[in-house]
Amino acid sequence: MSPTHFGRLAGSCYLTLGDYRKAQRLLEKTAMELQDRRKSRAIVLGNLALSWIREGDLDAALATFNDAVKELHGTRGGGGMNIVFRAAREMRPWRSEPAVQDAQDRLMALMEAA
């Protein structure tokens, strides 16, 4: 088991359980520890973006979402892609916001480049 495995798993579990604060603490710490493992980091950042979206913090969600998309540009990892697309779908209530449109456009540009 890798040193970051617990943080990735526990953060995902707390996200599913709706304990967003606990998920955020674990996922933020884990994302910092995963600087050299981009595929795993994209998954963690995608889950972190989901936690911010579900808590209603659009600014934090967008910053994290954009970081996840940057990681995906280098890896195109399937697990990260699925989670980031889920986050994009969950941003629908804010789709008229220019920052949300820009973030989703960056995700679509990633798909065009594939």
PDB file of N, CA and C in Angstrom:
ATOM      1  N   MET A   1       0.849  -1.173   0.000  1.00  0.00           N
ATOM      2  CA  MET A   1       0.000   0.000   0.000  1.00  0.00           C
ATOM      3  C   MET A   1       0.898   1.240   0.000  1.00  0.00           C
ATOM      4  N   SER A   2       0.590   2.178  -0.870  1.00  0.00           N
ATOM      5  CA  SER A   2       1.377   3.406  -0.951  1.00  0.00           C
ATOM      6  C   SER A   2       1.016   4.327   0.224  1.00  0.00           C
ATOM      7  N   PRO A   3       1.902   5.243   0.574  1.00  0.00           N
ATOM      8  CA  PRO A   3       1.625   6.158   1.689  1.00  0.00           C
ATOM      9  C   PRO A   3       0.390   7.033   1.463  1.00  0.00           C
ATOM     10  N   THR A   4       0.025   7.269   0.219  1.00  0.00           N
ATOM     11  CA  THR A   4      -1.125   8.125  -0.080  1.00  0.00           C
ATOM     12  C   THR A   4      -2.421   7.339  -0.252  1.00  0.00           C
ATOM     13  N   HIS A   5      -2.320   6.017  -0.222  1.00  0.00           N
ATOM     14  CA  HIS A   5      -3.498   5.185  -0.470  1.00  0.00           C
ATOM     15  C   HIS A   5      -4.616   5.472   0.532  1.00  0.00           C
ATOM     16  N   PHE A   6      -4.276   5.581   1.820  1.00  0.00           N
ATOM     17  CA  PHE A   6      -5.291   5.835   2.834  1.00  0.00           C
ATOM     18  C   PHE A   6      -6.010   7.150   2.565  1.00  0.00           C
ATOM     19  N   GLY A   7      -5.262   8.210   2.297  1.00  0.00           N
ATOM     20  CA  GLY A   7      -5.877   9.512   2.057  1.00  0.00           C
ATOM     21  C   GLY A   7      -6.800   9.511   0.854  1.00  0.00           C
ATOM     22  N   ARG A   8      -6.371   8.833  -0.202  1.00  0.00           N
ATOM     23  CA  ARG A   8      -7.209   8.746  -1.409  1.00  0.00           C
ATOM     24  C   ARG A   8      -8.508   8.008  -1.107  1.00  0.00           C
ATOM     25  N   LEU A   9      -8.395   6.863  -0.442  1.00  0.00           N
ATOM     26  CA  LEU A   9      -9.559   6.031  -0.150  1.00  0.00           C
ATOM     27  C   LEU A   9     -10.481   6.702   0.870  1.00  0.00           C
ATOM     28  N   ALA A  10      -9.910   7.169   1.972  1.00  0.00           N
ATOM     29  CA  ALA A  10     -10.725   7.791   3.014  1.00  0.00           C
ATOM     30  C   ALA A  10     -11.388   9.068   2.501  1.00  0.00           C
ATOM     31  N   GLY A  11     -10.656   9.869   1.737  1.00  0.00           N
ATOM     32  CA  GLY A  11     -11.244  11.084   1.184  1.00  0.00           C
ATOM     33  C   GLY A  11     -12.428  10.783   0.288  1.00  0.00           C
ATOM     34  N   SER A  12     -12.289   9.759  -0.535  1.00  0.00           N
ATOM     35  CA  SER A  12     -13.387   9.346  -1.413  1.00  0.00           C
ATOM     36  C   SER A  12     -14.584   8.852  -0.599  1.00  0.00           C
ATOM     37  N   CYS A  13     -14.300   8.104   0.458  1.00  0.00           N
ATOM     38  CA  CYS A  13     -15.393   7.596   1.308  1.00  0.00           C
ATOM     39  C   CYS A  13     -16.133   8.737   1.996  1.00  0.00           C
ATOM     40  N   TYR A  14     -15.383   9.684   2.568  1.00  0.00           N
ATOM     41  CA  TYR A  14     -16.035  10.818   3.226  1.00  0.00           C
ATOM     42  C   TYR A  14     -16.826  11.661   2.231  1.00  0.00           C
ATOM     43  N   LEU A  15     -16.344  11.760   1.013  1.00  0.00           N
ATOM     44  CA  LEU A  15     -17.089  12.460  -0.035  1.00  0.00           C
ATOM     45  C   LEU A  15     -18.427  11.773  -0.268  1.00  0.00           C
ATOM     46  N   THR A  16     -18.392  10.459  -0.396  1.00  0.00           N
ATOM     47  CA  THR A  16     -19.614   9.683  -0.623  1.00  0.00           C
ATOM     48  C   THR A  16     -20.577   9.799   0.553  1.00  0.00           C
ATOM     49  N   LEU A  17     -20.033   9.861   1.759  1.00  0.00           N
ATOM     50  CA  LEU A  17     -20.859   9.969   2.962  1.00  0.00           C
ATOM     51  C   LEU A  17     -21.395  11.378   3.199  1.00  0.00           C
ATOM     52  N   GLY A  18     -20.899  12.348   2.425  1.00  0.00           N
ATOM     53  CA  GLY A  18     -21.368  13.725   2.564  1.00  0.00           C
ATOM     54  C   GLY A  18     -20.645  14.522   3.633  1.00  0.00           C
ATOM     55  N   ASP A  19     -19.546  14.004   4.161  1.00  0.00           N
ATOM     56  CA  ASP A  19     -18.732  14.748   5.128  1.00  0.00           C
ATOM     57  C   ASP A  19     -17.644  15.477   4.351  1.00  0.00           C
ATOM     58  N   TYR A  20     -18.028  16.599   3.738  1.00  0.00           N
ATOM     59  CA  TYR A  20     -17.168  17.295   2.792  1.00  0.00           C
ATOM     60  C   TYR A  20     -15.940  17.914   3.452  1.00  0.00           C
ATOM     61  N   ARG A  21     -16.075  18.423   4.656  1.00  0.00           N
ATOM     62  CA  ARG A  21     -14.924  19.024   5.347  1.00  0.00           C
ATOM     63  C   ARG A  21     -13.831  17.994   5.591  1.00  0.00           C
ATOM     64  N   LYS A  22     -14.227  16.835   6.075  1.00  0.00           N
ATOM     65  CA  LYS A  22     -13.245  15.784   6.346  1.00  0.00           C
ATOM     66  C   LYS A  22     -12.635  15.295   5.036  1.00  0.00           C
ATOM     67  N   ALA A  23     -13.473  15.149   4.006  1.00  0.00           N
ATOM     68  CA  ALA A  23     -12.979  14.736   2.685  1.00  0.00           C
ATOM     69  C   ALA A  23     -11.971  15.754   2.169  1.00  0.00           C
ATOM     70  N   GLN A  24     -12.286  17.028   2.309  1.00  0.00           N
ATOM     71  CA  GLN A  24     -11.389  18.084   1.815  1.00  0.00           C
ATOM     72  C   GLN A  24     -10.040  18.050   2.517  1.00  0.00           C
ATOM     73  N   ARG A  25     -10.047  17.895   3.835  1.00  0.00           N
ATOM     74  CA  ARG A  25      -8.769  17.848   4.564  1.00  0.00           C
ATOM     75  C   ARG A  25      -7.898  16.702   4.067  1.00  0.00           C
ATOM     76  N   LEU A  26      -8.491  15.518   3.935  1.00  0.00           N
ATOM     77  CA  LEU A  26      -7.728  14.355   3.481  1.00  0.00           C
ATOM     78  C   LEU A  26      -7.274  14.499   2.031  1.00  0.00           C
ATOM     79  N   LEU A  27      -8.170  14.945   1.165  1.00  0.00           N
ATOM     80  CA  LEU A  27      -7.850  15.046  -0.257  1.00  0.00           C
ATOM     81  C   LEU A  27      -6.831  16.148  -0.536  1.00  0.00           C
ATOM     82  N   GLU A  28      -6.921  17.271   0.165  1.00  0.00           N
ATOM     83  CA  GLU A  28      -5.936  18.342  -0.034  1.00  0.00           C
ATOM     84  C   GLU A  28      -4.542  17.862   0.360  1.00  0.00           C
ATOM     85  N   LYS A  29      -4.443  17.219   1.504  1.00  0.00           N
ATOM     86  CA  LYS A  29      -3.147  16.699   1.975  1.00  0.00           C
ATOM     87  C   LYS A  29      -2.605  15.668   0.989  1.00  0.00           C
ATOM     88  N   THR A  30      -3.470  14.788   0.541  1.00  0.00           N
ATOM     89  CA  THR A  30      -3.054  13.734  -0.392  1.00  0.00           C
ATOM     90  C   THR A  30      -2.620  14.318  -1.726  1.00  0.00           C
ATOM     91  N   ALA A  31      -3.335  15.314  -2.225  1.00  0.00           N
ATOM     92  CA  ALA A  31      -2.968  15.948  -3.503  1.00  0.00           C
ATOM     93  C   ALA A  31      -1.577  16.559  -3.423  1.00  0.00           C
ATOM     94  N   MET A  32      -1.244  17.154  -2.278  1.00  0.00           N
ATOM     95  CA  MET A  32       0.091  17.742  -2.124  1.00  0.00           C
ATOM     96  C   MET A  32       1.166  16.655  -2.118  1.00  0.00           C
ATOM     97  N   GLU A  33       0.838  15.499  -1.591  1.00  0.00           N
ATOM     98  CA  GLU A  33       1.806  14.399  -1.520  1.00  0.00           C
ATOM     99  C   GLU A  33       1.965  13.667  -2.857  1.00  0.00           C
ATOM    100  N   LEU A  34       1.065  13.911  -3.783  1.00  0.00           N
ATOM    101  CA  LEU A  34       1.055  13.191  -5.063  1.00  0.00           C
ATOM    102  C   LEU A  34       1.630  14.009  -6.218  1.00  0.00           C
ATOM    103  N   GLN A  35       2.478  14.957  -5.960  1.00  0.00           N
ATOM    104  CA  GLN A  35       3.015  15.808  -7.023  1.00  0.00           C
ATOM    105  C   GLN A  35       3.644  15.004  -8.155  1.00  0.00           C
ATOM    106  N   ASP A  36       4.222  13.856  -7.841  1.00  0.00           N
ATOM    107  CA  ASP A  36       4.925  13.067  -8.857  1.00  0.00           C
ATOM    108  C   ASP A  36       4.069  11.948  -9.453  1.00  0.00           C
ATOM    109  N   ARG A  37       2.830  11.815  -9.028  1.00  0.00           N
ATOM    110  CA  ARG A  37       1.954  10.752  -9.538  1.00  0.00           C
ATOM    111  C   ARG A  37       0.704  11.398 -10.126  1.00  0.00           C
ATOM    112  N   ARG A  38       0.821  11.831 -11.359  1.00  0.00           N
ATOM    113  CA  ARG A  38      -0.194  12.687 -11.969  1.00  0.00           C
ATOM    114  C   ARG A  38      -1.540  12.012 -12.166  1.00  0.00           C
ATOM    115  N   LYS A  39      -1.560  10.738 -12.532  1.00  0.00           N
ATOM    116  CA  LYS A  39      -2.854  10.062 -12.722  1.00  0.00           C
ATOM    117  C   LYS A  39      -3.622  10.006 -11.416  1.00  0.00           C
ATOM    118  N   SER A  40      -2.948   9.598 -10.354  1.00  0.00           N
ATOM    119  CA  SER A  40      -3.594   9.533  -9.044  1.00  0.00           C
ATOM    120  C   SER A  40      -3.988  10.927  -8.572  1.00  0.00           C
ATOM    121  N   ARG A  41      -3.138  11.897  -8.827  1.00  0.00           N
ATOM    122  CA  ARG A  41      -3.420  13.270  -8.406  1.00  0.00           C
ATOM    123  C   ARG A  41      -4.653  13.818  -9.115  1.00  0.00           C
ATOM    124  N   ALA A  42      -4.839  13.492 -10.387  1.00  0.00           N
ATOM    125  CA  ALA A  42      -6.027  13.953 -11.116  1.00  0.00           C
ATOM    126  C   ALA A  42      -7.298  13.401 -10.479  1.00  0.00           C
ATOM    127  N   ILE A  43      -7.258  12.152 -10.041  1.00  0.00           N
ATOM    128  CA  ILE A  43      -8.418  11.540  -9.379  1.00  0.00           C
ATOM    129  C   ILE A  43      -8.698  12.260  -8.065  1.00  0.00           C
ATOM    130  N   VAL A  44      -7.663  12.470  -7.276  1.00  0.00           N
ATOM    131  CA  VAL A  44      -7.821  13.140  -5.983  1.00  0.00           C
ATOM    132  C   VAL A  44      -8.359  14.556  -6.187  1.00  0.00           C
ATOM    133  N   LEU A  45      -7.810  15.294  -7.142  1.00  0.00           N
ATOM    134  CA  LEU A  45      -8.281  16.656  -7.405  1.00  0.00           C
ATOM    135  C   LEU A  45      -9.723  16.655  -7.912  1.00  0.00           C
ATOM    136  N   GLY A  46     -10.086  15.678  -8.721  1.00  0.00           N
ATOM    137  CA  GLY A  46     -11.475  15.569  -9.177  1.00  0.00           C
ATOM    138  C   GLY A  46     -12.423  15.361  -8.013  1.00  0.00           C
ATOM    139  N   ASN A  47     -12.052  14.468  -7.086  1.00  0.00           N
ATOM    140  CA  ASN A  47     -12.883  14.249  -5.901  1.00  0.00           C
ATOM    141  C   ASN A  47     -12.938  15.488  -5.018  1.00  0.00           C
ATOM    142  N   LEU A  48     -11.813  16.186  -4.917  1.00  0.00           N
ATOM    143  CA  LEU A  48     -11.784  17.415  -4.127  1.00  0.00           C
ATOM    144  C   LEU A  48     -12.697  18.469  -4.754  1.00  0.00           C
ATOM    145  N   ALA A  49     -12.664  18.591  -6.070  1.00  0.00           N
ATOM    146  CA  ALA A  49     -13.567  19.530  -6.754  1.00  0.00           C
ATOM    147  C   ALA A  49     -15.024  19.168  -6.473  1.00  0.00           C
ATOM    148  N   LEU A  50     -15.337  17.873  -6.505  1.00  0.00           N
ATOM    149  CA  LEU A  50     -16.704  17.445  -6.194  1.00  0.00           C
ATOM    150  C   LEU A  50     -17.106  17.843  -4.778  1.00  0.00           C
ATOM    151  N   SER A  51     -16.191  17.717  -3.838  1.00  0.00           N
ATOM    152  CA  SER A  51     -16.525  18.083  -2.455  1.00  0.00           C
ATOM    153  C   SER A  51     -16.837  19.577  -2.352  1.00  0.00           C
ATOM    154  N   TRP A  52     -16.064  20.408  -3.051  1.00  0.00           N
ATOM    155  CA  TRP A  52     -16.322  21.851  -3.026  1.00  0.00           C
ATOM    156  C   TRP A  52     -17.643  22.184  -3.726  1.00  0.00           C
ATOM    157  N   ILE A  53     -17.913  21.516  -4.839  1.00  0.00           N
ATOM    158  CA  ILE A  53     -19.178  21.746  -5.555  1.00  0.00           C
ATOM    159  C   ILE A  53     -20.350  21.403  -4.654  1.00  0.00           C
ATOM    160  N   ARG A  54     -20.290  20.243  -4.024  1.00  0.00           N
ATOM    161  CA  ARG A  54     -21.400  19.781  -3.191  1.00  0.00           C
ATOM    162  C   ARG A  54     -21.569  20.633  -1.945  1.00  0.00           C
ATOM    163  N   GLU A  55     -20.520  21.297  -1.533  1.00  0.00           N
ATOM    164  CA  GLU A  55     -20.611  22.212  -0.400  1.00  0.00           C
ATOM    165  C   GLU A  55     -21.075  23.592  -0.850  1.00  0.00           C
ATOM    166  N   GLY A  56     -21.051  23.844  -2.165  1.00  0.00           N
ATOM    167  CA  GLY A  56     -21.522  25.118  -2.694  1.00  0.00           C
ATOM    168  C   GLY A  56     -20.462  26.189  -2.815  1.00  0.00           C
ATOM    169  N   ASP A  57     -19.177  25.816  -2.701  1.00  0.00           N
ATOM    170  CA  ASP A  57     -18.088  26.787  -2.815  1.00  0.00           C
ATOM    171  C   ASP A  57     -17.552  26.759  -4.251  1.00  0.00           C
ATOM    172  N   LEU A  58     -18.150  27.571  -5.100  1.00  0.00           N
ATOM    173  CA  LEU A  58     -17.820  27.556  -6.520  1.00  0.00           C
ATOM    174  C   LEU A  58     -16.378  27.981  -6.788  1.00  0.00           C
ATOM    175  N   ASP A  59     -15.882  28.989  -6.083  1.00  0.00           N
ATOM    176  CA  ASP A  59     -14.509  29.455  -6.323  1.00  0.00           C
ATOM    177  C   ASP A  59     -13.494  28.350  -6.051  1.00  0.00           C
ATOM    178  N   ALA A  60     -13.626  27.680  -4.908  1.00  0.00           N
ATOM    179  CA  ALA A  60     -12.710  26.581  -4.577  1.00  0.00           C
ATOM    180  C   ALA A  60     -12.891  25.428  -5.556  1.00  0.00           C
ATOM    181  N   ALA A  61     -14.135  25.166  -5.941  1.00  0.00           N
ATOM    182  CA  ALA A  61     -14.413  24.085  -6.892  1.00  0.00           C
ATOM    183  C   ALA A  61     -13.735  24.353  -8.230  1.00  0.00           C
ATOM    184  N   LEU A  62     -13.854  25.572  -8.724  1.00  0.00           N
ATOM    185  CA  LEU A  62     -13.256  25.913 -10.021  1.00  0.00           C
ATOM    186  C   LEU A  62     -11.736  25.841  -9.984  1.00  0.00           C
ATOM    187  N   ALA A  63     -11.137  26.339  -8.915  1.00  0.00           N
ATOM    188  CA  ALA A  63      -9.679  26.294  -8.811  1.00  0.00           C
ATOM    189  C   ALA A  63      -9.193  24.849  -8.832  1.00  0.00           C
ATOM    190  N   THR A  64      -9.857  23.999  -8.091  1.00  0.00           N
ATOM    191  CA  THR A  64      -9.471  22.588  -8.019  1.00  0.00           C
ATOM    192  C   THR A  64      -9.782  21.870  -9.323  1.00  0.00           C
ATOM    193  N   PHE A  65     -10.924  22.164  -9.912  1.00  0.00           N
ATOM    194  CA  PHE A  65     -11.318  21.575 -11.196  1.00  0.00           C
ATOM    195  C   PHE A  65     -10.269  21.905 -12.260  1.00  0.00           C
ATOM    196  N   ASN A  66      -9.851  23.167 -12.304  1.00  0.00           N
ATOM    197  CA  ASN A  66      -8.855  23.582 -13.294  1.00  0.00           C
ATOM    198  C   ASN A  66      -7.517  22.879 -13.069  1.00  0.00           C
ATOM    199  N   ASP A  67      -7.139  22.677 -11.815  1.00  0.00           N
ATOM    200  CA  ASP A  67      -5.912  21.922 -11.516  1.00  0.00           C
ATOM    201  C   ASP A  67      -6.032  20.481 -11.999  1.00  0.00           C
ATOM    202  N   ALA A  68      -7.204  19.888 -11.792  1.00  0.00           N
ATOM    203  CA  ALA A  68      -7.419  18.505 -12.237  1.00  0.00           C
ATOM    204  C   ALA A  68      -7.319  18.405 -13.758  1.00  0.00           C
ATOM    205  N   VAL A  69      -7.908  19.368 -14.467  1.00  0.00           N
ATOM    206  CA  VAL A  69      -7.841  19.366 -15.934  1.00  0.00           C
ATOM    207  C   VAL A  69      -6.390  19.505 -16.393  1.00  0.00           C
ATOM    208  N   LYS A  70      -5.599  20.350 -15.715  1.00  0.00           N
ATOM    209  CA  LYS A  70      -4.177  20.480 -16.065  1.00  0.00           C
ATOM    210  C   LYS A  70      -3.456  19.147 -15.918  1.00  0.00           C
ATOM    211  N   GLU A  71      -3.739  18.428 -14.851  1.00  0.00           N
ATOM    212  CA  GLU A  71      -3.116  17.116 -14.649  1.00  0.00           C
ATOM    213  C   GLU A  71      -3.527  16.162 -15.766  1.00  0.00           C
ATOM    214  N   LEU A  72      -4.765  16.224 -16.181  1.00  0.00           N
ATOM    215  CA  LEU A  72      -5.251  15.328 -17.230  1.00  0.00           C
ATOM    216  C   LEU A  72      -4.619  15.614 -18.584  1.00  0.00           C
ATOM    217  N   HIS A  73      -4.179  16.845 -18.805  1.00  0.00           N
ATOM    218  CA  HIS A  73      -3.507  17.161 -20.065  1.00  0.00           C
ATOM    219  C   HIS A  73      -2.261  16.313 -20.252  1.00  0.00           C
ATOM    220  N   GLY A  74      -1.619  15.967 -19.163  1.00  0.00           N
ATOM    221  CA  GLY A  74      -0.409  15.161 -19.257  1.00  0.00           C
ATOM    222  C   GLY A  74      -0.644  13.669 -19.221  1.00  0.00           C
ATOM    223  N   THR A  75      -1.787  13.246 -18.672  1.00  0.00           N
ATOM    224  CA  THR A  75      -1.979  11.808 -18.456  1.00  0.00           C
ATOM    225  C   THR A  75      -3.141  11.203 -19.227  1.00  0.00           C
ATOM    226  N   ARG A  76      -4.209  11.970 -19.344  1.00  0.00           N
ATOM    227  CA  ARG A  76      -5.456  11.471 -19.941  1.00  0.00           C
ATOM    228  C   ARG A  76      -5.930  10.184 -19.252  1.00  0.00           C
ATOM    229  N   GLY A  77      -5.668  10.089 -17.947  1.00  0.00           N
ATOM    230  CA  GLY A  77      -6.057   8.911 -17.185  1.00  0.00           C
ATOM    231  C   GLY A  77      -7.563   8.752 -17.122  1.00  0.00           C
ATOM    232  N   GLY A  78      -8.046   7.559 -17.406  1.00  0.00           N
ATOM    233  CA  GLY A  78      -9.481   7.280 -17.467  1.00  0.00           C
ATOM    234  C   GLY A  78     -10.218   7.546 -16.173  1.00  0.00           C
ATOM    235  N   GLY A  79      -9.634   7.148 -15.032  1.00  0.00           N
ATOM    236  CA  GLY A  79     -10.296   7.368 -13.753  1.00  0.00           C
ATOM    237  C   GLY A  79     -10.451   8.846 -13.465  1.00  0.00           C
ATOM    238  N   GLY A  80      -9.413   9.599 -13.712  1.00  0.00           N
ATOM    239  CA  GLY A  80      -9.474  11.041 -13.504  1.00  0.00           C
ATOM    240  C   GLY A  80     -10.463  11.701 -14.446  1.00  0.00           C
ATOM    241  N   MET A  81     -10.481  11.240 -15.683  1.00  0.00           N
ATOM    242  CA  MET A  81     -11.421  11.788 -16.672  1.00  0.00           C
ATOM    243  C   MET A  81     -12.868  11.605 -16.208  1.00  0.00           C
ATOM    244  N   ASN A  82     -13.187  10.405 -15.743  1.00  0.00           N
ATOM    245  CA  ASN A  82     -14.560  10.133 -15.290  1.00  0.00           C
ATOM    246  C   ASN A  82     -14.964  11.064 -14.159  1.00  0.00           C
ATOM    247  N   ILE A  83     -14.088  11.234 -13.188  1.00  0.00           N
ATOM    248  CA  ILE A  83     -14.420  12.067 -12.030  1.00  0.00           C
ATOM    249  C   ILE A  83     -14.516  13.533 -12.423  1.00  0.00           C
ATOM    250  N   VAL A  84     -13.611  14.003 -13.269  1.00  0.00           N
ATOM    251  CA  VAL A  84     -13.652  15.406 -13.682  1.00  0.00           C
ATOM    252  C   VAL A  84     -14.904  15.689 -14.519  1.00  0.00           C
ATOM    253  N   PHE A  85     -15.309  14.751 -15.350  1.00  0.00           N
ATOM    254  CA  PHE A  85     -16.557  14.950 -16.095  1.00  0.00           C
ATOM    255  C   PHE A  85     -17.764  14.949 -15.160  1.00  0.00           C
ATOM    256  N   ARG A  86     -17.726  14.143 -14.110  1.00  0.00           N
ATOM    257  CA  ARG A  86     -18.801  14.165 -13.117  1.00  0.00           C
ATOM    258  C   ARG A  86     -18.855  15.547 -12.467  1.00  0.00           C
ATOM    259  N   ALA A  87     -17.691  16.090 -12.132  1.00  0.00           N
ATOM    260  CA  ALA A  87     -17.645  17.428 -11.539  1.00  0.00           C
ATOM    261  C   ALA A  87     -18.211  18.466 -12.511  1.00  0.00           C
ATOM    262  N   ALA A  88     -17.859  18.342 -13.780  1.00  0.00           N
ATOM    263  CA  ALA A  88     -18.387  19.279 -14.777  1.00  0.00           C
ATOM    264  C   ALA A  88     -19.921  19.213 -14.828  1.00  0.00           C
ATOM    265  N   ARG A  89     -20.458  18.004 -14.769  1.00  0.00           N
ATOM    266  CA  ARG A  89     -21.924  17.860 -14.761  1.00  0.00           C
ATOM    267  C   ARG A  89     -22.548  18.494 -13.520  1.00  0.00           C
ATOM    268  N   GLU A  90     -21.873  18.338 -12.377  1.00  0.00           N
ATOM    269  CA  GLU A  90     -22.432  18.868 -11.134  1.00  0.00           C
ATOM    270  C   GLU A  90     -22.314  20.390 -11.036  1.00  0.00           C
ATOM    271  N   MET A  91     -21.565  21.001 -11.951  1.00  0.00           N
ATOM    272  CA  MET A  91     -21.500  22.465 -11.988  1.00  0.00           C
ATOM    273  C   MET A  91     -22.633  23.068 -12.813  1.00  0.00           C
ATOM    274  N   ARG A  92     -23.554  22.253 -13.296  1.00  0.00           N
ATOM    275  CA  ARG A  92     -24.647  22.759 -14.132  1.00  0.00           C
ATOM    276  C   ARG A  92     -25.418  23.923 -13.531  1.00  0.00           C
ATOM    277  N   PRO A  93     -25.683  23.918 -12.213  1.00  0.00           N
ATOM    278  CA  PRO A  93     -26.431  25.067 -11.678  1.00  0.00           C
ATOM    279  C   PRO A  93     -25.741  26.410 -11.910  1.00  0.00           C
ATOM    280  N   TRP A  94     -24.444  26.403 -12.134  1.00  0.00           N
ATOM    281  CA  TRP A  94     -23.669  27.627 -12.349  1.00  0.00           C
ATOM    282  C   TRP A  94     -23.250  27.779 -13.811  1.00  0.00           C
ATOM    283  N   ARG A  95     -23.868  27.064 -14.722  1.00  0.00           N
ATOM    284  CA  ARG A  95     -23.388  27.041 -16.110  1.00  0.00           C
ATOM    285  C   ARG A  95     -23.437  28.404 -16.794  1.00  0.00           C
ATOM    286  N   SER A  96     -24.223  29.323 -16.277  1.00  0.00           N
ATOM    287  CA  SER A  96     -24.263  30.654 -16.897  1.00  0.00           C
ATOM    288  C   SER A  96     -23.109  31.541 -16.423  1.00  0.00           C
ATOM    289  N   GLU A  97     -22.353  31.094 -15.426  1.00  0.00           N
ATOM    290  CA  GLU A  97     -21.197  31.848 -14.934  1.00  0.00           C
ATOM    291  C   GLU A  97     -20.048  31.741 -15.948  1.00  0.00           C
ATOM    292  N   PRO A  98     -19.457  32.854 -16.333  1.00  0.00           N
ATOM    293  CA  PRO A  98     -18.350  32.801 -17.306  1.00  0.00           C
ATOM    294  C   PRO A  98     -17.189  31.904 -16.864  1.00  0.00           C
ATOM    295  N   ALA A  99     -16.856  31.894 -15.583  1.00  0.00           N
ATOM    296  CA  ALA A  99     -15.736  31.069 -15.104  1.00  0.00           C
ATOM    297  C   ALA A  99     -16.046  29.577 -15.265  1.00  0.00           C
ATOM    298  N   VAL A 100     -17.302  29.204 -15.090  1.00  0.00           N
ATOM    299  CA  VAL A 100     -17.707  27.803 -15.270  1.00  0.00           C
ATOM    300  C   VAL A 100     -17.640  27.445 -16.754  1.00  0.00           C
ATOM    301  N   GLN A 101     -18.112  28.337 -17.604  1.00  0.00           N
ATOM    302  CA  GLN A 101     -18.044  28.096 -19.043  1.00  0.00           C
ATOM    303  C   GLN A 101     -16.600  27.932 -19.497  1.00  0.00           C
ATOM    304  N   ASP A 102     -15.709  28.779 -18.987  1.00  0.00           N
ATOM    305  CA  ASP A 102     -14.288  28.682 -19.349  1.00  0.00           C
ATOM    306  C   ASP A 102     -13.692  27.354 -18.900  1.00  0.00           C
ATOM    307  N   ALA A 103     -14.008  26.944 -17.675  1.00  0.00           N
ATOM    308  CA  ALA A 103     -13.478  25.679 -17.147  1.00  0.00           C
ATOM    309  C   ALA A 103     -13.974  24.506 -17.989  1.00  0.00           C
ATOM    310  N   GLN A 104     -15.244  24.525 -18.324  1.00  0.00           N
ATOM    311  CA  GLN A 104     -15.783  23.427 -19.125  1.00  0.00           C
ATOM    312  C   GLN A 104     -15.236  23.454 -20.549  1.00  0.00           C
ATOM    313  N   ASP A 105     -14.965  24.640 -21.074  1.00  0.00           N
ATOM    314  CA  ASP A 105     -14.331  24.748 -22.393  1.00  0.00           C
ATOM    315  C   ASP A 105     -12.934  24.137 -22.379  1.00  0.00           C
ATOM    316  N   ARG A 106     -12.170  24.353 -21.278  1.00  0.00           N
ATOM    317  CA  ARG A 106     -10.843  23.742 -21.161  1.00  0.00           C
ATOM    318  C   ARG A 106     -10.938  22.221 -21.145  1.00  0.00           C
ATOM    319  N   LEU A 107     -11.955  21.702 -20.501  1.00  0.00           N
ATOM    320  CA  LEU A 107     -12.160  20.244 -20.477  1.00  0.00           C
ATOM    321  C   LEU A 107     -12.486  19.747 -21.885  1.00  0.00           C
ATOM    322  N   MET A 108     -13.311  20.451 -22.602  1.00  0.00           N
ATOM    323  CA  MET A 108     -13.648  20.045 -23.966  1.00  0.00           C
ATOM    324  C   MET A 108     -12.421  20.138 -24.878  1.00  0.00           C
ATOM    325  N   ALA A 109     -11.582  21.151 -24.684  1.00  0.00           N
ATOM    326  CA  ALA A 109     -10.356  21.277 -25.480  1.00  0.00           C
ATOM    327  C   ALA A 109      -9.430  20.090 -25.222  1.00  0.00           C
ATOM    328  N   LEU A 110      -9.423  19.620 -24.001  1.00  0.00           N
ATOM    329  CA  LEU A 110      -8.635  18.425 -23.676  1.00  0.00           C
ATOM    330  C   LEU A 110      -9.124  17.235 -24.489  1.00  0.00           C
ATOM    331  N   MET A 111     -10.408  17.101 -24.628  1.00  0.00           N
ATOM    332  CA  MET A 111     -10.972  15.987 -25.388  1.00  0.00           C
ATOM    333  C   MET A 111     -10.682  16.127 -26.876  1.00  0.00           C
ATOM    334  N   GLU A 112     -10.690  17.358 -27.370  1.00  0.00           N
ATOM    335  CA  GLU A 112     -10.361  17.582 -28.779  1.00  0.00           C
ATOM    336  C   GLU A 112      -8.931  17.181 -29.102  1.00  0.00           C
ATOM    337  N   ALA A 113      -8.040  17.420 -28.140  1.00  0.00           N
ATOM    338  CA  ALA A 113      -6.628  17.141 -28.346  1.00  0.00           C
ATOM    339  C   ALA A 113      -6.312  15.656 -28.238  1.00  0.00           C
ATOM    340  N   ALA A 114      -7.263  14.884 -27.736  1.00  0.00           N
ATOM    341  CA  ALA A 114      -7.003  13.438 -27.529  1.00  0.00           C
ATOM    342  C   ALA A 114      -6.893  12.685 -28.821  1.00  0.00           C
TER     343      ALA A 114
END
